[in-house]
């Protein structure tokens, strides 16, 4: 499937390096991916939004480049792309993608931003305002409101918030001391994967990695990763919440807390969600859209970390149709639990997943990100090929088991609508 040739090596400071050679691509992508983000904000009682805030301020000034323009022009002057993303629940990525004539610029940029940043109070004040605007803009989206409400309901009584941007209140609480502590804890070479992909030889890769990363020292790194799977059992009671919006159309997230991505059911969980929601011929799109004209689209969301996951269905519908949609969703999941699965549909779903992986690999940034994610986070997957093979080998019985787990955990309902005071049965 992939046209990459992959080799790995490790530096003395613990930095794991993946070299993915893609002949004649003329592009080189350099990315560092960390175990960091929402999950660890909560796990170690950092203020919500700390990881995302840090993603902003590290670009302002480094030991080598005293201003942001000089730093970013390393990549952008020659038409390259650079960015940082705090996404999912437990990974943060910094990347630079350039034409291979400027490969060393990408190495220089990433090493400076990640391991040599010198952020200060000026950067803190500047980005506090910028992120506040980003946060307020996100509130205009009813789907974002529904997602936040779902998370608040799911993790009520715990310190997990899963608000990447934080809140208006938490932005006031983030301070320079906390940012520096987070930086020392997480931005350390033995907590990340360095992935270099594209038209770069192994010899050149090894030379540049050693030049820019060999002298990076391990910092504070006092993190431990406890087993918190018991969180799942805290969310068994059915709960629903409502946020008032002015839109005529309601946004509904309906689901629950499931198992993490290293669980034995992780592959069948993915196949199940795709079987139910991917494409116009998926089970729920047929029932909710084609047969009953209740929705324009239904999406299945599966957001996992090592220990647990959010699994929910996202629909946009008229408020008076919400109960009918909930009933249909539960009915169709129960059918699969009882073994009512069309094997042709199951096979088609797995082929759709396979095709989407092929499409994904046409973009070197997407492929590089997938390779780094598997290496950093997944204990039960060797590489992309192994991941796909395990998905394709999922059986009917495993999908039934995943459906049973999902049905038992359909206990959280987040509704954003212009109608208040309605209690839904689920």
Protein backbone atom coordinates (compact mmCIF):
# COMPACT_ATOMS: atom_id res chain seq x y z
CA UNK A 1 0.00 0.00 0.00
CA UNK A 2 2.64 2.55 1.08
CA UNK A 3 5.55 3.48 -1.19
CA UNK A 4 7.72 4.44 1.78
CA UNK A 5 10.80 2.50 2.83
CA UNK A 6 11.12 2.79 6.61
CA UNK A 7 14.14 2.56 8.91
CA UNK A 8 14.42 3.42 12.59
CA UNK A 9 17.17 4.43 14.99
CA UNK A 10 17.49 6.01 18.43
CA UNK A 11 19.78 8.74 19.76
CA UNK A 12 21.62 8.48 23.07
CA UNK A 13 19.16 10.94 24.65
CA UNK A 14 16.26 8.56 23.94
CA UNK A 15 14.86 10.30 20.86
CA UNK A 16 13.29 7.70 18.56
CA UNK A 17 13.69 8.48 14.86
CA UNK A 18 11.73 7.07 11.92
CA UNK A 19 13.11 7.60 8.42
CA UNK A 20 10.52 7.12 5.68
CA UNK A 21 12.14 7.28 2.25
CA UNK A 22 9.88 8.15 -0.68
CA UNK A 23 11.86 8.31 -3.90
CA UNK A 24 11.26 11.21 -6.30
CA UNK A 25 8.66 12.88 -4.07
CA UNK A 26 10.75 16.10 -4.09
CA UNK A 27 9.27 16.87 -0.66
CA UNK A 28 10.60 16.35 2.86
CA UNK A 29 8.40 16.41 5.95
CA UNK A 30 10.04 16.76 9.38
CA UNK A 31 7.73 16.32 12.38
CA UNK A 32 8.03 15.82 16.11
CA UNK A 33 5.07 14.20 17.84
CA UNK A 34 4.74 14.24 21.64
CA UNK A 35 2.62 12.52 24.20
CA UNK A 36 0.92 15.72 25.34
CA UNK A 37 -2.45 17.44 25.18
CA UNK A 38 -5.90 17.35 26.78
CA UNK A 39 -5.48 13.95 28.39
CA UNK A 40 -2.31 14.97 30.23
CA UNK A 41 -3.61 18.46 31.06
CA UNK A 42 -6.28 16.69 33.09
CA UNK A 43 -4.22 13.77 34.35
CA UNK A 44 -1.60 16.03 35.94
CA UNK A 45 -3.98 18.85 36.95
CA UNK A 46 -2.66 21.45 34.54
CA UNK A 47 -5.05 24.28 33.75
CA UNK A 48 -7.36 23.34 30.83
CA UNK A 49 -5.86 24.64 27.59
CA UNK A 50 -2.23 24.65 28.77
CA UNK A 51 -0.90 22.37 26.02
CA UNK A 52 -2.60 24.34 23.26
CA UNK A 53 -1.38 27.62 24.77
CA UNK A 54 2.18 26.30 24.75
CA UNK A 55 1.78 25.34 21.09
CA UNK A 56 1.27 29.06 20.39
CA UNK A 57 4.02 30.68 22.45
CA UNK A 58 6.98 28.44 21.52
CA UNK A 59 7.11 30.05 18.07
CA UNK A 60 7.78 33.57 19.35
CA UNK A 61 11.49 33.40 20.17
CA UNK A 62 14.27 30.79 20.39
CA UNK A 63 17.91 30.70 21.45
CA UNK A 64 18.99 31.13 17.81
CA UNK A 65 16.19 33.29 16.37
CA UNK A 66 15.20 36.33 18.42
CA UNK A 67 11.99 37.05 16.54
CA UNK A 68 9.17 35.04 15.02
CA UNK A 69 9.64 36.36 11.47
CA UNK A 70 13.21 35.07 11.14
CA UNK A 71 12.17 31.72 12.59
CA UNK A 72 9.11 31.12 10.44
CA UNK A 73 10.79 32.38 7.27
CA UNK A 74 13.15 29.40 7.49
CA UNK A 75 10.25 27.44 6.03
CA UNK A 76 7.84 29.96 4.53
CA UNK A 77 10.41 31.95 2.50
CA UNK A 78 10.74 29.01 0.13
CA UNK A 79 7.05 28.11 -0.04
CA UNK A 80 7.15 25.47 2.68
CA UNK A 81 4.44 24.71 5.22
CA UNK A 82 4.85 24.67 8.98
CA UNK A 83 2.39 24.32 11.81
CA UNK A 84 1.69 22.83 15.20
CA UNK A 85 -1.42 20.94 16.21
CA UNK A 86 -2.81 19.86 19.57
CA UNK A 87 -5.44 17.34 18.59
CA UNK A 88 -7.08 14.09 19.60
CA UNK A 89 -6.60 13.74 23.32
CA UNK A 90 -2.97 12.91 23.89
CA UNK A 91 -0.67 14.05 21.12
CA UNK A 92 0.87 17.30 20.00
CA UNK A 93 2.66 17.65 16.66
CA UNK A 94 5.08 20.19 15.20
CA UNK A 95 5.93 19.85 11.52
CA UNK A 96 7.70 21.55 8.64
CA UNK A 97 7.25 20.40 5.04
CA UNK A 98 9.62 21.74 2.37
CA UNK A 99 10.97 21.13 -1.12
CA UNK A 100 13.96 18.83 -0.66
CA UNK A 101 16.41 21.60 -1.65
CA UNK A 102 15.65 23.21 1.73
CA UNK A 103 15.59 20.09 3.89
CA UNK A 104 18.03 21.44 6.47
CA UNK A 105 15.82 24.49 7.06
CA UNK A 106 13.04 22.17 8.25
CA UNK A 107 15.38 20.44 10.70
CA UNK A 108 16.61 23.79 12.01
CA UNK A 109 13.07 25.11 12.44
CA UNK A 110 11.70 22.08 14.29
CA UNK A 111 14.70 21.78 16.61
CA UNK A 112 14.47 25.46 17.54
CA UNK A 113 10.72 25.59 18.15
CA UNK A 114 10.52 22.40 20.14
CA UNK A 115 13.73 22.24 22.15
CA UNK A 116 15.10 25.80 22.18
CA UNK A 117 12.12 28.07 22.75
CA UNK A 118 12.47 31.12 25.00
CA UNK A 119 8.91 32.31 25.58
CA UNK A 120 8.18 35.11 28.05
CA UNK A 121 5.46 37.30 29.57
CA UNK A 122 5.15 39.30 26.34
CA UNK A 123 4.34 36.11 24.41
CA UNK A 124 1.96 35.03 27.17
CA UNK A 125 -0.04 38.27 27.02
CA UNK A 126 -0.12 38.31 23.20
CA UNK A 127 -1.38 34.76 22.79
CA UNK A 128 -3.84 34.98 25.66
CA UNK A 129 -5.71 37.52 23.52
CA UNK A 130 -5.31 35.52 20.30
CA UNK A 131 -6.51 32.25 21.84
CA UNK A 132 -9.45 34.02 23.45
CA UNK A 133 -10.57 35.14 19.99
CA UNK A 134 -10.06 31.58 18.71
CA UNK A 135 -12.17 30.28 21.58
CA UNK A 136 -14.99 32.78 21.04
CA UNK A 137 -15.03 31.98 17.32
CA UNK A 138 -15.43 28.27 18.13
CA UNK A 139 -18.48 29.03 20.29
CA UNK A 140 -20.35 30.21 17.20
CA UNK A 141 -20.42 26.63 15.96
CA UNK A 142 -23.33 24.59 17.44
CA UNK A 143 -21.39 21.37 16.80
CA UNK A 144 -18.58 22.66 19.01
CA UNK A 145 -21.11 23.50 21.72
CA UNK A 146 -22.57 19.99 21.50
CA UNK A 147 -19.12 18.42 21.71
CA UNK A 148 -18.21 20.47 24.78
CA UNK A 149 -21.52 19.63 26.45
CA UNK A 150 -21.02 15.93 25.74
CA UNK A 151 -17.55 16.01 27.31
CA UNK A 152 -18.81 17.90 30.35
CA UNK A 153 -21.52 15.28 30.87
CA UNK A 154 -19.20 12.35 30.21
CA UNK A 155 -16.47 13.43 32.62
CA UNK A 156 -18.52 15.12 35.31
CA UNK A 157 -17.00 14.41 38.71
CA UNK A 158 -13.51 13.90 37.29
CA UNK A 159 -10.78 16.37 36.37
CA UNK A 160 -11.06 15.52 32.67
CA UNK A 161 -12.44 18.38 30.59
CA UNK A 162 -11.09 17.70 27.10
CA UNK A 163 -11.44 21.32 26.05
CA UNK A 164 -8.37 21.79 23.85
CA UNK A 165 -8.59 25.59 23.87
CA UNK A 166 -9.54 25.74 27.53
CA UNK A 167 -12.29 28.08 28.72
CA UNK A 168 -12.54 31.85 29.10
CA UNK A 169 -11.89 31.37 32.82
CA UNK A 170 -8.94 28.98 32.41
CA UNK A 171 -7.18 31.32 29.98
CA UNK A 172 -6.97 33.82 32.84
CA UNK A 173 -5.33 31.19 35.06
CA UNK A 174 -2.57 30.00 32.70
CA UNK A 175 0.71 31.61 33.73
CA UNK A 176 4.35 31.57 32.67
CA UNK A 177 5.42 29.27 35.51
CA UNK A 178 2.86 26.64 34.51
CA UNK A 179 3.80 26.87 30.83
CA UNK A 180 7.49 26.41 31.63
CA UNK A 181 6.72 23.46 33.89
CA UNK A 182 4.67 21.82 31.11
CA UNK A 183 7.47 22.54 28.64
CA UNK A 184 10.06 20.89 30.89
CA UNK A 185 7.85 17.87 31.53
CA UNK A 186 6.66 17.12 28.01
CA UNK A 187 9.10 18.64 25.52
CA UNK A 188 11.80 16.10 26.15
CA UNK A 189 13.41 13.70 23.63
CA UNK A 190 12.33 10.50 25.36
CA UNK A 191 8.65 11.56 25.18
CA UNK A 192 8.38 11.95 21.42
CA UNK A 193 8.91 10.52 17.95
CA UNK A 194 10.90 12.33 15.27
CA UNK A 195 9.57 11.36 11.85
CA UNK A 196 11.37 12.33 8.63
CA UNK A 197 9.54 11.45 5.43
CA UNK A 198 10.08 12.01 1.73
CA UNK A 199 12.92 12.41 -0.74
CA UNK A 200 15.81 12.26 1.71
CA UNK A 201 18.38 9.46 1.96
CA UNK A 202 18.96 7.61 5.21
CA UNK A 203 22.53 8.92 5.32
CA UNK A 204 21.44 12.55 4.99
CA UNK A 205 18.66 11.99 7.50
CA UNK A 206 21.02 10.49 10.07
CA UNK A 207 23.54 13.32 9.60
CA UNK A 208 20.95 16.07 10.06
CA UNK A 209 19.26 14.36 12.99
CA UNK A 210 22.56 14.13 14.85
CA UNK A 211 23.46 17.72 13.97
CA UNK A 212 20.22 19.21 15.28
CA UNK A 213 19.01 16.77 17.95
CA UNK A 214 21.96 14.79 19.34
CA UNK A 215 22.77 17.40 21.98
CA UNK A 216 19.21 17.85 23.22
CA UNK A 217 19.19 16.86 26.87
CA UNK A 218 16.45 15.12 28.79
CA UNK A 219 14.67 17.73 30.86
CA UNK A 220 12.48 17.31 33.92
CA UNK A 221 10.45 14.35 32.65
CA UNK A 222 8.83 13.28 35.93
CA UNK A 223 5.69 11.90 34.29
CA UNK A 224 4.14 8.56 35.06
CA UNK A 225 1.24 7.01 33.19
CA UNK A 226 -1.14 5.32 35.65
CA UNK A 227 -3.92 2.93 34.68
CA UNK A 228 -7.13 4.94 34.91
CA UNK A 229 -9.44 2.54 33.10
CA UNK A 230 -11.69 2.64 36.18
CA UNK A 231 -12.97 5.96 34.83
CA UNK A 232 -15.23 4.01 32.47
CA UNK A 233 -17.23 2.63 35.38
CA UNK A 234 -17.98 6.14 36.67
CA UNK A 235 -20.19 6.98 33.72
CA UNK A 236 -22.78 4.19 33.74
CA UNK A 237 -25.77 6.30 34.80
CA UNK A 238 -27.80 7.82 31.98
CA UNK A 239 -27.37 11.57 31.80
CA UNK A 240 -28.55 14.27 29.44
CA UNK A 241 -27.88 17.96 29.13
CA UNK A 242 -29.09 20.91 27.07
CA UNK A 243 -27.54 24.09 25.70
CA UNK A 244 -29.87 26.74 24.32
CA UNK A 245 -29.12 27.97 20.78
CA UNK A 246 -31.13 30.14 18.41
CA UNK A 247 -30.82 27.88 15.36
CA UNK A 248 -33.96 26.13 14.13
CA UNK A 249 -31.96 22.93 13.73
CA UNK A 250 -30.84 20.98 16.79
CA UNK A 251 -27.41 19.39 17.18
CA UNK A 252 -27.33 16.09 19.05
CA UNK A 253 -24.41 13.99 20.32
CA UNK A 254 -25.53 10.59 21.61
CA UNK A 255 -23.10 7.99 22.92
CA UNK A 256 -20.90 7.07 25.84
CA UNK A 257 -17.51 6.06 27.20
CA UNK A 258 -15.83 3.01 25.71
CA UNK A 259 -12.51 1.20 25.76
CA UNK A 260 -9.13 2.66 24.78
CA UNK A 261 -7.24 2.12 21.55
CA UNK A 262 -5.02 -0.65 22.93
CA UNK A 263 -8.02 -2.79 23.89
CA UNK A 264 -8.63 -6.02 21.95
CA UNK A 265 -11.88 -4.57 20.57
CA UNK A 266 -10.30 -1.39 19.18
CA UNK A 267 -10.28 -2.66 15.58
CA UNK A 268 -13.86 -3.95 15.65
CA UNK A 269 -14.97 -0.73 17.38
CA UNK A 270 -13.67 1.20 14.38
CA UNK A 271 -15.30 -1.15 11.87
CA UNK A 272 -18.61 -0.90 13.75
CA UNK A 273 -18.69 2.91 13.68
CA UNK A 274 -17.84 2.91 9.98
CA UNK A 275 -20.49 0.26 9.27
CA UNK A 276 -23.09 2.41 10.98
CA UNK A 277 -22.19 5.85 9.64
CA UNK A 278 -19.72 5.96 6.74
CA UNK A 279 -21.27 6.87 3.42
CA UNK A 280 -24.80 7.30 2.10
CA UNK A 281 -25.32 3.52 2.15
CA UNK A 282 -24.27 3.05 5.78
CA UNK A 283 -26.88 1.63 8.14
CA UNK A 284 -27.81 4.84 9.96
CA UNK A 285 -27.66 7.07 6.90
CA UNK A 286 -30.09 4.69 5.19
CA UNK A 287 -32.46 4.67 8.16
CA UNK A 288 -32.27 8.28 9.29
CA UNK A 289 -31.84 9.99 5.94
CA UNK A 290 -32.98 7.86 3.02
CA UNK A 291 -35.93 6.06 4.63
CA UNK A 292 -37.17 8.61 7.17
CA UNK A 293 -35.83 11.99 5.95
CA UNK A 294 -34.91 12.97 9.50
CA UNK A 295 -31.35 14.20 8.93
CA UNK A 296 -29.05 15.45 6.21
CA UNK A 297 -26.18 13.38 7.58
CA UNK A 298 -25.17 11.29 10.58
CA UNK A 299 -21.56 11.08 11.71
CA UNK A 300 -19.91 8.54 13.97
CA UNK A 301 -17.20 9.89 16.27
CA UNK A 302 -14.60 7.69 17.97
CA UNK A 303 -11.98 9.62 19.96
CA UNK A 304 -9.64 7.36 21.93
CA UNK A 305 -6.74 7.50 24.30
CA UNK A 306 -4.87 4.57 25.80
CA UNK A 307 -7.42 3.98 28.55
CA UNK A 308 -10.87 5.01 27.32
CA UNK A 309 -12.71 6.59 24.42
CA UNK A 310 -15.59 8.87 23.50
CA UNK A 311 -17.94 7.16 21.08
CA UNK A 312 -20.97 9.07 19.89
CA UNK A 313 -23.29 9.76 16.98
CA UNK A 314 -23.59 13.34 15.78
CA UNK A 315 -26.81 14.40 14.06
CA UNK A 316 -28.39 17.67 12.98
CA UNK A 317 -32.19 17.51 12.96
CA UNK A 318 -35.38 19.37 13.89
CA UNK A 319 -36.04 19.33 17.67
CA UNK A 320 -39.29 17.41 17.23
CA UNK A 321 -37.37 14.59 15.48
CA UNK A 322 -34.76 14.00 18.19
CA UNK A 323 -36.59 11.21 20.03
CA UNK A 324 -37.30 9.37 16.80
CA UNK A 325 -33.62 9.54 15.84
CA UNK A 326 -32.51 8.21 19.24
CA UNK A 327 -34.93 5.28 18.96
CA UNK A 328 -33.64 4.35 15.50
CA UNK A 329 -30.00 4.53 16.56
CA UNK A 330 -30.56 2.25 19.55
CA UNK A 331 -32.63 -0.16 17.48
CA UNK A 332 -29.96 -0.51 14.78
CA UNK A 333 -27.12 -1.00 17.27
CA UNK A 334 -29.18 -3.65 19.07
CA UNK A 335 -29.75 -5.49 15.78
CA UNK A 336 -26.00 -5.81 15.29
CA UNK A 337 -25.61 -6.96 18.89
CA UNK A 338 -28.03 -9.78 18.04
CA UNK A 339 -26.07 -10.79 14.96
CA UNK A 340 -28.17 -9.11 12.27
CA UNK A 341 -25.21 -8.09 10.13
CA UNK A 342 -25.13 -8.26 6.36
CA UNK A 343 -21.75 -9.84 5.60
CA UNK A 344 -21.56 -8.03 2.27
CA UNK A 345 -22.00 -4.73 4.10
CA UNK A 346 -19.31 -5.72 6.58
CA UNK A 347 -16.90 -6.60 3.78
CA UNK A 348 -17.74 -3.36 1.96
CA UNK A 349 -17.04 -1.33 5.10
CA UNK A 350 -13.59 -2.86 5.48
CA UNK A 351 -12.84 -2.15 1.82
CA UNK A 352 -13.91 1.46 2.33
CA UNK A 353 -11.47 1.74 5.24
CA UNK A 354 -8.72 0.22 3.07
CA UNK A 355 -9.43 2.67 0.26
CA UNK A 356 -9.43 5.64 2.64
CA UNK A 357 -5.98 4.56 3.85
CA UNK A 358 -4.72 4.51 0.26
CA UNK A 359 -6.18 7.98 -0.33
CA UNK A 360 -4.57 9.18 2.91
CA UNK A 361 -1.15 7.93 1.82
CA UNK A 362 -1.19 10.08 -1.32
CA UNK A 363 -0.40 13.04 0.93
CA UNK A 364 3.05 12.72 2.50
CA UNK A 365 2.02 14.81 5.51
CA UNK A 366 -0.92 12.53 6.29
CA UNK A 367 1.15 9.39 5.83
CA UNK A 368 3.98 10.73 7.99
CA UNK A 369 1.51 11.63 10.72
CA UNK A 370 -0.05 8.15 10.68
CA UNK A 371 3.35 6.46 10.94
CA UNK A 372 4.43 8.65 13.86
CA UNK A 373 1.11 8.19 15.70
CA UNK A 374 1.31 4.40 15.52
CA UNK A 375 4.90 4.40 16.77
CA UNK A 376 4.23 6.85 19.60
CA UNK A 377 0.93 5.57 20.96
CA UNK A 378 -0.15 2.11 19.86
CA UNK A 379 1.13 -0.94 21.71
CA UNK A 380 -0.85 -3.48 19.68
CA UNK A 381 0.19 -2.32 16.19
CA UNK A 382 3.60 -2.74 14.55
CA UNK A 383 3.09 -0.39 11.62
CA UNK A 384 0.49 0.88 9.13
CA UNK A 385 0.36 -2.42 7.26
CA UNK A 386 -0.21 -4.36 10.48
CA UNK A 387 -2.96 -1.91 11.46
CA UNK A 388 -4.79 -2.38 8.16
CA UNK A 389 -4.42 -6.16 8.26
CA UNK A 390 -5.99 -6.27 11.72
CA UNK A 391 -8.90 -4.13 10.56
CA UNK A 392 -9.46 -6.32 7.50
CA UNK A 393 -9.42 -9.46 9.67
CA UNK A 394 -12.21 -8.24 12.01
CA UNK A 395 -14.94 -10.88 12.26
CA UNK A 396 -18.71 -10.66 12.52
CA UNK A 397 -18.51 -11.94 16.09
CA UNK A 398 -16.06 -9.20 17.08
CA UNK A 399 -18.34 -6.52 15.59
CA UNK A 400 -21.23 -8.02 17.57
CA UNK A 401 -19.15 -7.76 20.75
CA UNK A 402 -18.31 -4.13 19.99
CA UNK A 403 -22.00 -3.42 19.33
CA UNK A 404 -22.91 -4.98 22.67
CA UNK A 405 -20.42 -2.72 24.45
CA UNK A 406 -21.67 0.32 22.55
CA UNK A 407 -25.33 -0.46 23.27
CA UNK A 408 -24.61 -0.81 26.98
CA UNK A 409 -22.84 2.56 26.96
CA UNK A 410 -25.37 4.65 25.02
CA UNK A 411 -25.97 6.67 28.16
CA UNK A 412 -24.90 10.26 27.44
CA UNK A 413 -27.05 12.71 25.49
CA UNK A 414 -25.98 16.28 24.66
CA UNK A 415 -28.58 18.43 22.91
CA UNK A 416 -28.18 21.96 21.55
CA UNK A 417 -31.54 23.34 20.44
CA UNK A 418 -33.98 26.24 20.71
CA UNK A 419 -36.41 24.14 22.77
CA UNK A 420 -35.86 23.86 26.52
CA UNK A 421 -37.26 21.52 29.15
CA UNK A 422 -37.57 18.36 27.05
CA UNK A 423 -36.55 15.04 28.59
CA UNK A 424 -35.68 12.34 26.06
CA UNK A 425 -35.98 8.59 26.54
CA UNK A 426 -32.91 6.52 25.81
